[in-house]
Amino acid sequence: MKKILHGLPLEELCARTLERISHVAETATSAEFAGTNDNPHAIRRAMNSLSEDRLLRHDGCEALDLVISILDGELEQETQEVVPVFHGRNDPEEGAIGTIVHERVLTPRGNQIAQCLGNLRVLREMLRVLEYRLAAERIVNRRFGG
């Protein structure tokens, strides 16, 4: 993922990040995801801090971390059980080859929250890469620009 983000032209990365912010903010603040009465307001406030002028400040990622923690709590409530799942194959000579991973069994709302959390984590990574690339551009411009 990081390799793809580093390979994009800077303007395209900015545009994709802004687009994802808009989409994720709309999804995360909906009543389906936010849960209790206080959560939608806290999520909306955090997502509003990701406007264009504050896009590259560290508080942007902190705001996303707050939203992620709120939705992680909601995901816990939507977890019906955690079951062991075998990922691998059964070899006739060696036996079972693979690993056992514990996966959540989620309610339909939990599945939507999990998808939203995935989008938030991708957005957080996009913001970090964008911040690093712009910082690198500023350094290069100062060093070689004049």
Protein backbone atom coordinates (compact mmCIF):
# COMPACT_ATOMS: atom_id res chain seq x y z
CA MET A 1 0.00 0.00 0.00
CA LYS A 2 2.72 2.46 0.99
CA LYS A 3 4.60 1.76 -2.24
CA ILE A 4 1.54 2.67 -4.28
CA LEU A 5 0.99 5.87 -2.28
CA HIS A 6 4.63 6.90 -2.69
CA GLY A 7 4.41 6.30 -6.45
CA LEU A 8 1.40 8.54 -7.04
CA PRO A 9 1.96 12.11 -8.20
CA LEU A 10 1.60 14.45 -5.22
CA GLU A 11 -1.49 16.21 -6.61
CA GLU A 12 -3.24 12.90 -7.21
CA LEU A 13 -2.40 11.71 -3.69
CA CYS A 14 -3.84 14.96 -2.28
CA ALA A 15 -6.98 14.63 -4.38
CA ARG A 16 -7.50 10.99 -3.41
CA THR A 17 -6.93 11.82 0.25
CA LEU A 18 -9.48 14.65 0.19
CA GLU A 19 -11.97 12.41 -1.60
CA ARG A 20 -11.49 9.64 0.96
CA ILE A 21 -11.87 12.12 3.83
CA SER A 22 -15.22 13.19 2.44
CA HIS A 23 -16.42 9.62 1.94
CA VAL A 24 -15.19 8.31 5.31
CA ALA A 25 -16.55 11.34 7.20
CA GLU A 26 -19.98 10.80 5.69
CA THR A 27 -19.94 7.09 6.50
CA ALA A 28 -18.43 7.30 9.99
CA THR A 29 -20.86 9.96 11.21
CA SER A 30 -23.97 8.10 10.08
CA ALA A 31 -26.25 6.80 12.80
CA GLU A 32 -25.60 3.22 11.68
CA PHE A 33 -21.95 3.38 12.73
CA ALA A 34 -21.66 5.90 15.52
CA GLY A 35 -23.84 4.16 18.08
CA THR A 36 -24.59 6.12 21.27
CA ASN A 37 -25.71 9.74 21.32
CA ASP A 38 -22.28 11.15 22.23
CA ASN A 39 -20.37 9.23 19.58
CA PRO A 40 -21.80 10.90 16.44
CA HIS A 41 -20.92 14.35 17.78
CA ALA A 42 -17.36 13.32 18.76
CA ILE A 43 -16.83 11.60 15.41
CA ARG A 44 -18.22 14.57 13.46
CA ARG A 45 -15.98 16.99 15.37
CA ALA A 46 -12.92 14.81 14.76
CA MET A 47 -13.69 14.37 11.06
CA ASN A 48 -14.30 18.11 10.62
CA SER A 49 -10.75 18.72 11.82
CA LEU A 50 -9.57 17.08 8.61
CA SER A 51 -10.46 20.04 6.45
CA GLU A 52 -8.12 21.22 3.68
CA ASP A 53 -6.29 23.79 5.78
CA ARG A 54 -5.50 21.32 8.59
CA LEU A 55 -4.94 18.29 6.41
CA LEU A 56 -1.25 17.89 7.13
CA ARG A 57 -1.05 18.58 10.83
CA HIS A 58 -0.44 15.80 13.31
CA ASP A 59 -3.83 16.40 14.92
CA GLY A 60 -5.40 15.02 11.73
CA CYS A 61 -4.06 11.55 12.47
CA GLU A 62 -4.92 12.03 16.14
CA ALA A 63 -8.49 12.85 15.13
CA LEU A 64 -8.61 9.67 13.07
CA ASP A 65 -7.21 7.69 15.99
CA LEU A 66 -10.08 8.99 18.14
CA VAL A 67 -12.66 7.94 15.55
CA ILE A 68 -11.00 4.55 15.17
CA SER A 69 -11.05 3.98 18.92
CA ILE A 70 -14.75 4.90 19.12
CA LEU A 71 -15.61 2.55 16.28
CA ASP A 72 -13.41 -0.21 17.76
CA GLY A 73 -15.60 -0.01 20.86
CA GLU A 74 -18.71 -0.27 18.70
CA LEU A 75 -17.17 -3.26 16.89
CA GLU A 76 -16.61 -5.01 20.21
CA GLN A 77 -20.32 -4.67 20.94
CA GLU A 78 -21.18 -6.10 17.53
CA THR A 79 -18.95 -9.16 17.94
CA GLN A 80 -21.07 -12.24 18.48
CA GLU A 81 -18.17 -14.58 19.08
CA VAL A 82 -14.54 -15.21 18.19
CA VAL A 83 -13.87 -18.53 16.48
CA PRO A 84 -10.66 -20.29 15.47
CA VAL A 85 -10.34 -20.64 11.70
CA PHE A 86 -7.72 -22.81 10.00
CA HIS A 87 -5.92 -21.19 7.06
CA GLY A 88 -3.86 -23.70 5.15
CA ARG A 89 -4.18 -27.16 3.70
CA ASN A 90 -4.17 -30.77 4.77
CA ASP A 91 -1.19 -32.64 3.35
CA PRO A 92 -1.60 -36.46 3.20
CA GLU A 93 1.94 -37.00 4.45
CA GLU A 94 2.58 -34.01 6.70
CA GLY A 95 -0.90 -33.42 8.05
CA ALA A 96 -2.29 -29.93 8.58
CA ILE A 97 -0.01 -27.21 7.21
CA GLY A 98 -1.06 -23.67 8.02
CA THR A 99 -2.09 -21.50 10.90
CA ILE A 100 -5.11 -21.05 13.10
CA VAL A 101 -6.39 -17.49 13.23
CA HIS A 102 -9.06 -16.22 15.59
CA GLU A 103 -11.72 -14.36 13.62
CA ARG A 104 -14.72 -12.41 14.79
CA VAL A 105 -18.25 -13.37 13.91
CA LEU A 106 -19.97 -10.04 13.47
CA THR A 107 -23.52 -8.81 13.20
CA PRO A 108 -24.46 -7.11 9.90
CA ARG A 109 -23.85 -3.74 11.59
CA GLY A 110 -20.50 -5.07 12.81
CA ASN A 111 -19.51 -5.95 9.24
CA GLN A 112 -20.28 -2.38 8.15
CA ILE A 113 -18.28 -0.97 11.07
CA ALA A 114 -15.35 -3.26 10.23
CA GLN A 115 -15.39 -2.01 6.63
CA CYS A 116 -15.52 1.61 7.82
CA LEU A 117 -12.59 0.94 10.18
CA GLY A 118 -10.60 -0.45 7.26
CA ASN A 119 -11.26 2.73 5.28
CA LEU A 120 -10.25 4.88 8.25
CA ARG A 121 -6.97 3.00 8.62
CA VAL A 122 -6.22 3.42 4.91
CA LEU A 123 -7.00 7.13 5.22
CA ARG A 124 -4.66 7.42 8.21
CA GLU A 125 -1.88 5.83 6.16
CA MET A 126 -2.61 8.16 3.23
CA LEU A 127 -2.37 11.18 5.52
CA ARG A 128 0.95 10.01 6.93
CA VAL A 129 2.46 9.39 3.50
CA LEU A 130 1.16 12.74 2.26
CA GLU A 131 2.66 14.50 5.26
CA TYR A 132 6.06 12.82 4.74
CA ARG A 133 6.10 13.54 1.01
CA LEU A 134 5.25 17.21 1.49
CA ALA A 135 7.87 17.54 4.20
CA ALA A 136 10.44 15.95 1.88
CA GLU A 137 9.45 18.34 -0.90
CA ARG A 138 9.91 21.33 1.41
CA ILE A 139 13.36 20.07 2.43
CA VAL A 140 14.43 19.56 -1.18
CA ASN A 141 13.09 22.98 -2.18
CA ARG A 142 14.97 24.67 0.64
CA ARG A 143 18.15 22.80 -0.09
CA PHE A 144 18.23 23.14 -3.87
CA GLY A 145 15.66 25.82 -4.59
CA GLY A 146 17.65 28.87 -4.22
